[in-house]
C-alpha atoms as a PDB file:
ATOM      1  CA  MET A   1      -0.832 -32.077 277.533  1.00  0.00           C
ATOM      2  CA  ILE A   2      -2.285 -31.021 280.871  1.00  0.00           C
ATOM      3  CA  TYR A   3      -4.399 -27.884 281.174  1.00  0.00           C
ATOM      4  CA  PRO A   4      -2.570 -25.418 283.418  1.00  0.00           C
ATOM      5  CA  THR A   5      -5.256 -24.191 285.779  1.00  0.00           C
ATOM      6  CA  ILE A   6      -4.941 -20.416 285.772  1.00  0.00           C
ATOM      7  CA  ASN A   7      -6.545 -17.994 288.188  1.00  0.00           C
ATOM      8  CA  PRO A   8      -8.919 -15.875 286.057  1.00  0.00           C
ATOM      9  CA  VAL A   9      -8.016 -12.900 288.252  1.00  0.00           C
ATOM     10  CA  ALA A  10      -4.768 -11.443 286.939  1.00  0.00           C
ATOM     11  CA  LEU A  11      -4.398  -8.860 289.694  1.00  0.00           C
ATOM     12  CA  ASP A  12      -6.273  -8.503 292.994  1.00  0.00           C
ATOM     13  CA  LEU A  13      -5.864  -5.038 294.467  1.00  0.00           C
ATOM     14  CA  GLY A  14      -8.354  -5.667 297.248  1.00  0.00           C
ATOM     15  CA  PHE A  15     -10.790  -2.948 296.249  1.00  0.00           C
ATOM     16  CA  VAL A  16     -10.829  -4.108 292.626  1.00  0.00           C
ATOM     17  CA  GLN A  17      -9.996  -7.269 290.728  1.00  0.00           C
ATOM     18  CA  ILE A  18      -8.515  -7.226 287.233  1.00  0.00           C
ATOM     19  CA  TYR A  19      -9.407 -10.284 285.179  1.00  0.00           C
ATOM     20  CA  TRP A  20      -7.311 -11.849 282.431  1.00  0.00           C
ATOM     21  CA  TYR A  21     -10.357 -11.818 280.155  1.00  0.00           C
ATOM     22  CA  GLY A  22     -10.660  -8.062 280.531  1.00  0.00           C
ATOM     23  CA  LEU A  23      -6.946  -7.672 279.846  1.00  0.00           C
ATOM     24  CA  MET A  24      -7.383  -9.688 276.632  1.00  0.00           C
ATOM     25  CA  TYR A  25     -10.003  -7.179 275.476  1.00  0.00           C
ATOM     26  CA  LEU A  26      -7.630  -4.352 276.338  1.00  0.00           C
ATOM     27  CA  LEU A  27      -4.847  -5.997 274.322  1.00  0.00           C
ATOM     28  CA  ALA A  28      -7.276  -6.479 271.428  1.00  0.00           C
ATOM     29  CA  PHE A  29      -8.155  -2.783 271.290  1.00  0.00           C
ATOM     30  CA  LEU A  30      -4.535  -1.705 271.735  1.00  0.00           C
ATOM     31  CA  ALA A  31      -3.420  -4.020 268.918  1.00  0.00           C
ATOM     32  CA  ALA A  32      -6.125  -2.594 266.651  1.00  0.00           C
ATOM     33  CA  TYR A  33      -5.091   0.958 267.561  1.00  0.00           C
ATOM     34  CA  PHE A  34      -1.398   0.481 266.802  1.00  0.00           C
ATOM     35  CA  LEU A  35      -2.058  -1.482 263.613  1.00  0.00           C
ATOM     36  CA  ALA A  36      -4.519   1.191 262.461  1.00  0.00           C
ATOM     37  CA  ASN A  37      -1.950   3.934 263.012  1.00  0.00           C
ATOM     38  CA  TYR A  38       0.628   1.918 261.078  1.00  0.00           C
ATOM     39  CA  ARG A  39      -1.765   1.460 258.165  1.00  0.00           C
ATOM     40  CA  ALA A  40      -2.791   5.126 258.280  1.00  0.00           C
ATOM     41  CA  LYS A  41       0.815   6.219 257.679  1.00  0.00           C
ATOM     42  CA  LYS A  42       0.556   4.684 254.205  1.00  0.00           C
ATOM     43  CA  SER A  43      -2.679   6.489 253.415  1.00  0.00           C
ATOM     44  CA  ASN A  44      -3.755  10.108 253.187  1.00  0.00           C
ATOM     45  CA  ASP A  45      -7.351   9.181 253.984  1.00  0.00           C
ATOM     46  CA  TRP A  46      -6.921   8.700 257.725  1.00  0.00           C
ATOM     47  CA  ASN A  47      -5.736  10.984 260.516  1.00  0.00           C
ATOM     48  CA  ALA A  48      -5.094  10.469 264.223  1.00  0.00           C
ATOM     49  CA  GLN A  49      -8.521  11.752 265.322  1.00  0.00           C
ATOM     50  CA  GLN A  50     -10.313   9.437 262.911  1.00  0.00           C
ATOM     51  CA  ILE A  51      -8.296   6.458 264.143  1.00  0.00           C
ATOM     52  CA  GLU A  52      -9.134   7.201 267.774  1.00  0.00           C
ATOM     53  CA  ASP A  53     -12.827   7.614 266.999  1.00  0.00           C
ATOM     54  CA  MET A  54     -12.872   4.482 264.872  1.00  0.00           C
ATOM     55  CA  ILE A  55     -11.406   2.408 267.723  1.00  0.00           C
ATOM     56  CA  PHE A  56     -13.854   3.968 270.199  1.00  0.00           C
ATOM     57  CA  TYR A  57     -16.868   3.296 267.986  1.00  0.00           C
ATOM     58  CA  GLY A  58     -15.618  -0.219 267.296  1.00  0.00           C
ATOM     59  CA  ALA A  59     -15.065  -0.980 270.990  1.00  0.00           C
ATOM     60  CA  ILE A  60     -18.627   0.067 271.839  1.00  0.00           C
ATOM     61  CA  GLY A  61     -19.937  -2.027 268.948  1.00  0.00           C
ATOM     62  CA  VAL A  62     -17.978  -5.096 270.076  1.00  0.00           C
ATOM     63  CA  VAL A  63     -19.090  -4.964 273.706  1.00  0.00           C
ATOM     64  CA  VAL A  64     -22.743  -4.003 273.189  1.00  0.00           C
ATOM     65  CA  GLY A  65     -23.219  -6.139 270.087  1.00  0.00           C
ATOM     66  CA  GLY A  66     -21.337  -9.076 271.568  1.00  0.00           C
ATOM     67  CA  ARG A  67     -23.469  -9.162 274.693  1.00  0.00           C
ATOM     68  CA  LEU A  68     -26.768  -8.523 272.920  1.00  0.00           C
ATOM     69  CA  GLY A  69     -25.907 -11.084 270.255  1.00  0.00           C
ATOM     70  CA  TYR A  70     -25.202 -13.737 272.856  1.00  0.00           C
ATOM     71  CA  MET A  71     -28.554 -13.154 274.518  1.00  0.00           C
ATOM     72  CA  LEU A  72     -30.453 -13.238 271.215  1.00  0.00           C
ATOM     73  CA  PHE A  73     -28.591 -16.061 269.468  1.00  0.00           C
ATOM     74  CA  TYR A  74     -27.666 -18.318 272.373  1.00  0.00           C
ATOM     75  CA  ASN A  75     -29.854 -17.460 275.354  1.00  0.00           C
ATOM     76  CA  LEU A  76     -33.104 -16.015 274.007  1.00  0.00           C
ATOM     77  CA  PRO A  77     -35.575 -17.736 276.401  1.00  0.00           C
ATOM     78  CA  ASN A  78     -33.686 -16.459 279.438  1.00  0.00           C
ATOM     79  CA  PHE A  79     -33.440 -12.970 277.910  1.00  0.00           C
ATOM     80  CA  LEU A  80     -37.186 -12.843 277.219  1.00  0.00           C
ATOM     81  CA  SER A  81     -38.026 -13.998 280.729  1.00  0.00           C
ATOM     82  CA  ASP A  82     -35.478 -11.677 282.357  1.00  0.00           C
ATOM     83  CA  PRO A  83     -34.356  -8.799 280.070  1.00  0.00           C
ATOM     84  CA  LEU A  84     -32.157  -7.369 282.819  1.00  0.00           C
ATOM     85  CA  SER A  85     -29.976 -10.498 282.603  1.00  0.00           C
ATOM     86  CA  ILE A  86     -28.228  -8.787 279.717  1.00  0.00           C
ATOM     87  CA  PHE A  87     -26.342  -6.770 282.332  1.00  0.00           C
ATOM     88  CA  ALA A  88     -25.188  -9.887 284.237  1.00  0.00           C
ATOM     89  CA  ILE A  89     -21.882  -9.946 282.404  1.00  0.00           C
ATOM     90  CA  GLN A  90     -20.059 -11.417 285.407  1.00  0.00           C
ATOM     91  CA  GLY A  91     -21.510 -14.766 284.326  1.00  0.00           C
ATOM     92  CA  GLY A  92     -19.892 -14.472 280.894  1.00  0.00           C
ATOM     93  CA  GLY A  93     -21.605 -14.665 277.533  1.00  0.00           C
ATOM     94  CA  MET A  94     -20.306 -12.821 274.475  1.00  0.00           C
ATOM     95  CA  SER A  95     -20.973 -13.660 270.840  1.00  0.00           C
ATOM     96  CA  PHE A  96     -18.565 -12.973 267.978  1.00  0.00           C
ATOM     97  CA  HIS A  97     -21.396 -12.694 265.475  1.00  0.00           C
ATOM     98  CA  GLY A  98     -23.219 -10.232 267.712  1.00  0.00           C
ATOM     99  CA  GLY A  99     -20.033  -8.216 268.145  1.00  0.00           C
ATOM    100  CA  PHE A 100     -19.513  -8.332 264.375  1.00  0.00           C
ATOM    101  CA  LEU A 101     -22.972  -6.882 263.729  1.00  0.00           C
ATOM    102  CA  GLY A 102     -22.353  -4.309 266.451  1.00  0.00           C
ATOM    103  CA  VAL A 103     -19.142  -3.184 264.731  1.00  0.00           C
ATOM    104  CA  LEU A 104     -20.938  -2.925 261.377  1.00  0.00           C
ATOM    105  CA  LEU A 105     -23.520  -0.604 262.925  1.00  0.00           C
ATOM    106  CA  ALA A 106     -20.808   1.363 264.738  1.00  0.00           C
ATOM    107  CA  MET A 107     -18.890   1.847 261.479  1.00  0.00           C
ATOM    108  CA  ILE A 108     -22.043   3.102 259.751  1.00  0.00           C
ATOM    109  CA  LEU A 109     -22.320   5.790 262.428  1.00  0.00           C
ATOM    110  CA  PHE A 110     -18.594   6.501 262.153  1.00  0.00           C
ATOM    111  CA  ASN A 111     -18.878   6.899 258.367  1.00  0.00           C
ATOM    112  CA  ARG A 112     -21.711   9.394 258.739  1.00  0.00           C
ATOM    113  CA  LYS A 113     -19.547  11.512 261.007  1.00  0.00           C
ATOM    114  CA  TYR A 114     -16.545  11.519 258.658  1.00  0.00           C
ATOM    115  CA  ASN A 115     -18.338  11.105 255.328  1.00  0.00           C
ATOM    116  CA  LYS A 116     -16.543   7.887 254.409  1.00  0.00           C
ATOM    117  CA  SER A 117     -17.930   5.043 252.315  1.00  0.00           C
ATOM    118  CA  PHE A 118     -18.843   1.835 254.126  1.00  0.00           C
ATOM    119  CA  PHE A 119     -16.442  -0.533 252.366  1.00  0.00           C
ATOM    120  CA  THR A 120     -13.576   1.956 252.369  1.00  0.00           C
ATOM    121  CA  THR A 121     -13.766   1.852 256.148  1.00  0.00           C
ATOM    122  CA  MET A 122     -14.393  -1.889 256.431  1.00  0.00           C
ATOM    123  CA  ASP A 123     -11.486  -2.743 254.124  1.00  0.00           C
ATOM    124  CA  PHE A 124      -9.300  -0.640 256.413  1.00  0.00           C
ATOM    125  CA  VAL A 125     -10.716  -2.193 259.586  1.00  0.00           C
ATOM    126  CA  ALA A 126     -10.762  -5.881 258.569  1.00  0.00           C
ATOM    127  CA  PRO A 127      -6.998  -6.582 259.029  1.00  0.00           C
ATOM    128  CA  LEU A 128      -7.138  -4.957 262.482  1.00  0.00           C
ATOM    129  CA  VAL A 129      -9.641  -7.478 263.845  1.00  0.00           C
ATOM    130  CA  PRO A 130      -8.026 -10.975 263.844  1.00  0.00           C
ATOM    131  CA  LEU A 131      -5.389 -10.378 266.511  1.00  0.00           C
ATOM    132  CA  GLY A 132      -8.141  -9.168 268.814  1.00  0.00           C
ATOM    133  CA  LEU A 133     -10.096 -12.344 268.111  1.00  0.00           C
ATOM    134  CA  GLY A 134      -6.994 -14.338 268.997  1.00  0.00           C
ATOM    135  CA  PHE A 135      -6.596 -12.519 272.311  1.00  0.00           C
ATOM    136  CA  GLY A 136     -10.265 -13.133 273.065  1.00  0.00           C
ATOM    137  CA  ARG A 137      -9.861 -16.886 272.516  1.00  0.00           C
ATOM    138  CA  LEU A 138      -6.841 -16.892 274.810  1.00  0.00           C
ATOM    139  CA  GLY A 139      -9.112 -15.306 277.388  1.00  0.00           C
ATOM    140  CA  ASN A 140     -11.564 -18.187 276.910  1.00  0.00           C
ATOM    141  CA  PHE A 141      -8.698 -20.640 277.411  1.00  0.00           C
ATOM    142  CA  ILE A 142      -7.562 -18.968 280.629  1.00  0.00           C
ATOM    143  CA  ASN A 143     -11.148 -18.982 281.904  1.00  0.00           C
ATOM    144  CA  GLY A 144     -11.448 -22.692 281.067  1.00  0.00           C
ATOM    145  CA  GLU A 145     -14.558 -22.156 278.920  1.00  0.00           C
ATOM    146  CA  LEU A 146     -15.752 -23.096 275.411  1.00  0.00           C
ATOM    147  CA  TRP A 147     -13.882 -26.404 275.464  1.00  0.00           C
ATOM    148  CA  GLY A 148     -13.726 -28.897 272.625  1.00  0.00           C
ATOM    149  CA  LYS A 149     -15.118 -32.414 272.635  1.00  0.00           C
ATOM    150  CA  VAL A 150     -13.764 -35.280 274.704  1.00  0.00           C
ATOM    151  CA  THR A 151     -10.977 -37.108 272.883  1.00  0.00           C
ATOM    152  CA  ASP A 152      -8.247 -39.673 273.363  1.00  0.00           C
ATOM    153  CA  SER A 153      -6.133 -37.982 270.685  1.00  0.00           C
ATOM    154  CA  SER A 154      -2.625 -36.771 271.481  1.00  0.00           C
ATOM    155  CA  LEU A 155      -3.892 -33.337 270.433  1.00  0.00           C
ATOM    156  CA  GLY A 156      -6.179 -33.309 273.453  1.00  0.00           C
ATOM    157  CA  MET A 157      -5.554 -31.596 276.766  1.00  0.00           C
ATOM    158  CA  TYR A 158      -6.249 -33.225 280.107  1.00  0.00           C
ATOM    159  CA  ILE A 159      -8.407 -31.061 282.387  1.00  0.00           C
ATOM    160  CA  GLN A 160      -7.823 -32.090 285.964  1.00  0.00           C
ATOM    161  CA  THR A 161     -10.985 -30.497 287.357  1.00  0.00           C
ATOM    162  CA  GLN A 162     -13.109 -32.460 284.866  1.00  0.00           C
ATOM    163  CA  GLU A 163     -10.934 -35.586 284.802  1.00  0.00           C
ATOM    164  CA  LEU A 164     -11.372 -35.550 281.023  1.00  0.00           C
ATOM    165  CA  THR A 165      -9.211 -34.981 277.961  1.00  0.00           C
ATOM    166  CA  ARG A 166     -10.667 -32.487 275.521  1.00  0.00           C
ATOM    167  CA  TYR A 167      -9.637 -30.689 272.349  1.00  0.00           C
ATOM    168  CA  PRO A 168      -8.349 -27.217 273.308  1.00  0.00           C
ATOM    169  CA  SER A 169     -10.643 -25.633 270.715  1.00  0.00           C
ATOM    170  CA  GLN A 170      -9.967 -22.159 272.137  1.00  0.00           C
ATOM    171  CA  LEU A 171      -6.322 -22.482 271.058  1.00  0.00           C
ATOM    172  CA  TYR A 172      -7.334 -23.741 267.609  1.00  0.00           C
ATOM    173  CA  GLU A 173      -9.516 -20.668 267.202  1.00  0.00           C
ATOM    174  CA  ALA A 174      -6.810 -18.356 268.522  1.00  0.00           C
ATOM    175  CA  PHE A 175      -4.442 -19.804 265.921  1.00  0.00           C
ATOM    176  CA  LEU A 176      -6.768 -19.870 262.898  1.00  0.00           C
ATOM    177  CA  GLU A 177      -9.138 -16.944 263.558  1.00  0.00           C
ATOM    178  CA  GLY A 178      -6.372 -14.913 265.161  1.00  0.00           C
ATOM    179  CA  LEU A 179      -2.883 -15.477 263.798  1.00  0.00           C
ATOM    180  CA  VAL A 180      -3.561 -17.170 260.438  1.00  0.00           C
ATOM    181  CA  LEU A 181      -6.427 -14.838 259.506  1.00  0.00           C
ATOM    182  CA  PHE A 182      -4.314 -11.826 260.466  1.00  0.00           C
ATOM    183  CA  ILE A 183      -1.444 -12.969 258.225  1.00  0.00           C
ATOM    184  CA  ILE A 184      -3.807 -13.586 255.288  1.00  0.00           C
ATOM    185  CA  LEU A 185      -5.505 -10.204 255.542  1.00  0.00           C
ATOM    186  CA  TRP A 186      -2.380  -8.231 256.365  1.00  0.00           C
ATOM    187  CA  LEU A 187      -0.442  -9.594 253.404  1.00  0.00           C
ATOM    188  CA  PHE A 188      -3.420  -9.325 251.052  1.00  0.00           C
ATOM    189  CA  SER A 189      -4.130  -5.713 252.023  1.00  0.00           C
ATOM    190  CA  SER A 190      -0.462  -4.688 251.809  1.00  0.00           C
ATOM    191  CA  LYS A 191      -1.047  -4.024 248.101  1.00  0.00           C
ATOM    192  CA  THR A 192      -3.810  -2.028 246.463  1.00  0.00           C
ATOM    193  CA  ARG A 193      -6.877  -4.235 246.105  1.00  0.00           C
ATOM    194  CA  PRO A 194     -10.366  -3.716 244.657  1.00  0.00           C
ATOM    195  CA  LEU A 195     -12.878  -2.100 246.988  1.00  0.00           C
ATOM    196  CA  MET A 196     -14.727  -4.727 249.092  1.00  0.00           C
ATOM    197  CA  SER A 197     -12.156  -7.464 248.466  1.00  0.00           C
ATOM    198  CA  VAL A 198     -10.413  -7.226 251.857  1.00  0.00           C
ATOM    199  CA  SER A 199     -13.774  -7.283 253.651  1.00  0.00           C
ATOM    200  CA  ALA A 200     -14.826 -10.239 251.504  1.00  0.00           C
ATOM    201  CA  LEU A 201     -11.695 -12.181 252.391  1.00  0.00           C
ATOM    202  CA  PHE A 202     -12.344 -11.603 256.089  1.00  0.00           C
ATOM    203  CA  LEU A 203     -15.879 -12.974 255.762  1.00  0.00           C
ATOM    204  CA  ILE A 204     -14.763 -16.022 253.785  1.00  0.00           C
ATOM    205  CA  PHE A 205     -11.872 -17.142 255.955  1.00  0.00           C
ATOM    206  CA  TYR A 206     -13.387 -16.327 259.329  1.00  0.00           C
ATOM    207  CA  GLY A 207     -16.537 -18.186 258.336  1.00  0.00           C
ATOM    208  CA  LEU A 208     -14.566 -21.192 257.085  1.00  0.00           C
ATOM    209  CA  PHE A 209     -12.269 -21.385 260.113  1.00  0.00           C
ATOM    210  CA  ARG A 210     -15.161 -21.060 262.571  1.00  0.00           C
ATOM    211  CA  PHE A 211     -17.280 -23.598 260.672  1.00  0.00           C
ATOM    212  CA  ILE A 212     -14.468 -26.172 260.736  1.00  0.00           C
ATOM    213  CA  ILE A 213     -13.520 -25.705 264.394  1.00  0.00           C
ATOM    214  CA  GLU A 214     -17.152 -26.076 265.473  1.00  0.00           C
ATOM    215  CA  PHE A 215     -16.866 -29.778 264.586  1.00  0.00           C
ATOM    216  CA  VAL A 216     -14.536 -30.322 267.563  1.00  0.00           C
ATOM    217  CA  ARG A 217     -16.072 -27.720 269.867  1.00  0.00           C
ATOM    218  CA  VAL A 218     -18.820 -28.541 272.338  1.00  0.00           C
ATOM    219  CA  PRO A 219     -22.021 -26.650 271.448  1.00  0.00           C
ATOM    220  CA  ASP A 220     -23.600 -24.378 274.040  1.00  0.00           C
ATOM    221  CA  VAL A 221     -25.384 -26.608 276.526  1.00  0.00           C
ATOM    222  CA  GLN A 222     -28.652 -24.629 276.370  1.00  0.00           C
ATOM    223  CA  LEU A 223     -28.811 -25.088 272.576  1.00  0.00           C
ATOM    224  CA  GLY A 224     -27.009 -28.305 271.729  1.00  0.00           C
ATOM    225  CA  TYR A 225     -27.004 -29.277 268.058  1.00  0.00           C
ATOM    226  CA  LEU A 226     -29.570 -27.549 265.879  1.00  0.00           C
ATOM    227  CA  ALA A 227     -29.805 -30.292 263.233  1.00  0.00           C
ATOM    228  CA  PHE A 228     -28.206 -33.488 261.874  1.00  0.00           C
ATOM    229  CA  ASN A 229     -26.544 -34.103 265.253  1.00  0.00           C
ATOM    230  CA  TRP A 230     -23.657 -31.835 264.204  1.00  0.00           C
ATOM    231  CA  LEU A 231     -24.943 -28.406 263.079  1.00  0.00           C
ATOM    232  CA  THR A 232     -24.254 -25.738 265.711  1.00  0.00           C
ATOM    233  CA  MET A 233     -25.410 -22.155 266.060  1.00  0.00           C
ATOM    234  CA  GLY A 234     -21.850 -21.027 265.343  1.00  0.00           C
ATOM    235  CA  GLN A 235     -21.911 -22.865 262.014  1.00  0.00           C
ATOM    236  CA  LEU A 236     -25.369 -21.574 261.157  1.00  0.00           C
ATOM    237  CA  LEU A 237     -24.217 -17.983 261.709  1.00  0.00           C
ATOM    238  CA  SER A 238     -20.871 -18.483 259.939  1.00  0.00           C
ATOM    239  CA  LEU A 239     -22.144 -20.061 256.731  1.00  0.00           C
ATOM    240  CA  PRO A 240     -23.849 -16.852 255.466  1.00  0.00           C
ATOM    241  CA  MET A 241     -20.555 -15.036 256.043  1.00  0.00           C
ATOM    242  CA  VAL A 242     -18.783 -17.386 253.636  1.00  0.00           C
ATOM    243  CA  VAL A 243     -21.529 -17.156 251.010  1.00  0.00           C
ATOM    244  CA  PHE A 244     -21.751 -13.350 251.198  1.00  0.00           C
ATOM    245  CA  GLY A 245     -17.960 -13.093 251.209  1.00  0.00           C
ATOM    246  CA  VAL A 246     -17.692 -15.083 247.983  1.00  0.00           C
ATOM    247  CA  TYR A 247     -20.381 -12.869 246.451  1.00  0.00           C
ATOM    248  CA  LEU A 248     -18.555  -9.687 247.490  1.00  0.00           C
ATOM    249  CA  LEU A 249     -15.192 -10.949 246.241  1.00  0.00           C
ATOM    250  CA  ASN A 250     -16.668 -11.810 242.856  1.00  0.00           C
ATOM    251  CA  LYS A 251     -18.418  -8.440 242.679  1.00  0.00           C
ATOM    252  CA  ALA A 252     -15.247  -6.580 243.705  1.00  0.00           C
ATOM    253  CA  TYR A 253     -13.108  -8.081 240.968  1.00  0.00           C
ATOM    254  CA  LYS A 254     -15.826  -7.741 238.328  1.00  0.00           C
ATOM    255  CA  LYS A 255     -15.992  -4.021 239.082  1.00  0.00           C
ATOM    256  CA  ALA A 256     -12.211  -3.776 239.028  1.00  0.00           C
END
């Protein structure tokens, strides 16, 4: 396979440029909005205003948390030396784990406004997330960033600008963290489940998928491997998700 070089600018209007990566974020939020409204029709606990506010709070959490998380987890020395670099988003740099923590905080604030319990909200939100993750990884692919390792496997993709064949790890993540995780959570949550169990399943499978894909993904150049010549920051941050997810799932079904 040959990587189809794609212009990261989807539409150039002269006075403003619209990037594919930004459109992927827009698609992510729209997908979450429509899926949330579909789920709300089967529940008396959610109304249109709550859905709109939940998406708004979540979007702020994703963007702010994602950027801040990247600077803290992946680029801390540069952030400490130049705190204003956090606003230099034109150079890229978003972290899923930072965005995840940002959404958790945003949902805490949302719950205070509407007097909802934390896991009631998170069990509702969890199935809305994977498709957005998939769109985000497609944005990485279009931008030609976060590539996998060099390979001579037929599963690799030849990148003409690099004159190298690499694993298209962005597409693997889009498939596993996006489509497969969405199917798992959507089907699982289609029936009444114990409180916390849907959230737990999200933590377990996202953590597992991310941990596995990191083995073929090139670590961030400023960090490299953290230990054993294979452990990456992505794996280090994903492992607690799996452990805590298993704990929550066990706790959920014991209570049930």
